[in-house]
Amino acid sequence: MSGFDSNPFADPTADNPFNDPAVTQATNPSVEPVSQYNPIPQPNAMAAAAQANLLRQQEELERKDAELDR
């Protein structure tokens, strides 16, 4: 430990590695936190999309059926 100082009255933050500007900026509480990012769609969104697709297919089949009945 080259930065060790045996003086108990010395400035304790002089050799503090967490006093680095990059660390203090990253841990600054005034920075707005980013909401949880999830690249995988939620199951509810997938189910809603699948339901919409099934409804669209059903309407298309009913139109074809009505056309064939003519």
Protein backbone atom coordinates (compact mmCIF):
# COMPACT_ATOMS: atom_id res chain seq x y z
CA MET A 1 0.00 0.00 0.00
CA SER A 2 1.99 2.93 -1.23
CA GLY A 3 -0.74 5.40 -0.26
CA PHE A 4 -0.92 4.23 3.35
CA ASP A 5 -0.48 7.03 5.87
CA SER A 6 0.00 6.11 9.52
CA ASN A 7 -1.13 9.59 10.59
CA PRO A 8 -4.67 9.21 12.02
CA PHE A 9 -5.25 12.97 11.63
CA ALA A 10 -4.48 13.06 7.90
CA ASP A 11 -7.18 13.70 5.31
CA PRO A 12 -8.87 10.28 4.81
CA THR A 13 -10.13 11.20 1.33
CA ALA A 14 -6.68 11.99 -0.08
CA ASP A 15 -6.06 8.44 -1.33
CA ASN A 16 -9.67 7.30 -1.57
CA PRO A 17 -10.10 5.43 -4.89
CA PHE A 18 -13.84 6.17 -4.76
CA ASN A 19 -13.11 9.89 -4.79
CA ASP A 20 -12.30 9.60 -8.50
CA PRO A 21 -14.37 12.08 -10.57
CA ALA A 22 -15.74 9.29 -12.79
CA VAL A 23 -16.98 7.36 -9.75
CA THR A 24 -18.50 10.37 -8.04
CA GLN A 25 -20.25 11.41 -11.26
CA ALA A 26 -21.66 7.91 -11.82
CA THR A 27 -22.93 7.67 -8.24
CA ASN A 28 -24.33 11.21 -8.14
CA PRO A 29 -27.92 10.96 -6.84
CA SER A 30 -29.01 13.98 -8.93
CA VAL A 31 -28.61 11.91 -12.10
CA GLU A 32 -32.00 10.65 -13.31
CA PRO A 33 -32.04 6.83 -13.15
CA VAL A 34 -32.83 4.93 -16.33
CA SER A 35 -35.93 2.79 -16.11
CA GLN A 36 -35.46 -0.93 -16.45
CA TYR A 37 -34.66 -1.77 -20.09
CA ASN A 38 -35.89 -5.12 -21.30
CA PRO A 39 -35.25 -5.91 -24.98
CA ILE A 40 -37.51 -8.97 -24.79
CA PRO A 41 -41.20 -8.06 -25.17
CA GLN A 42 -43.49 -8.76 -22.27
CA PRO A 43 -45.68 -11.89 -22.55
CA ASN A 44 -48.81 -9.70 -22.38
CA ALA A 45 -47.65 -7.71 -25.39
CA MET A 46 -46.89 -10.90 -27.28
CA ALA A 47 -50.28 -12.37 -26.39
CA ALA A 48 -52.07 -9.20 -27.49
CA ALA A 49 -50.21 -9.23 -30.81
CA ALA A 50 -51.05 -12.90 -31.33
CA GLN A 51 -54.71 -12.25 -30.51
CA ALA A 52 -54.84 -9.35 -32.99
CA ASN A 53 -53.24 -11.54 -35.64
CA LEU A 54 -55.81 -14.30 -35.03
CA LEU A 55 -58.68 -11.81 -35.29
CA ARG A 56 -57.28 -10.47 -38.57
CA GLN A 57 -56.96 -13.99 -39.96
CA GLN A 58 -60.51 -14.83 -38.84
CA GLU A 59 -61.92 -11.76 -40.59
CA GLU A 60 -60.00 -12.63 -43.75
CA LEU A 61 -61.32 -16.20 -43.70
CA GLU A 62 -64.88 -14.98 -43.16
CA ARG A 63 -64.55 -12.62 -46.15
CA LYS A 64 -63.26 -15.48 -48.31
CA ASP A 65 -66.11 -17.69 -47.10
CA ALA A 66 -68.68 -15.02 -47.95
CA GLU A 67 -67.09 -14.60 -51.38
CA LEU A 68 -67.27 -18.35 -52.03
CA ASP A 69 -70.93 -18.45 -50.95
CA ARG A 70 -71.90 -15.97 -53.70
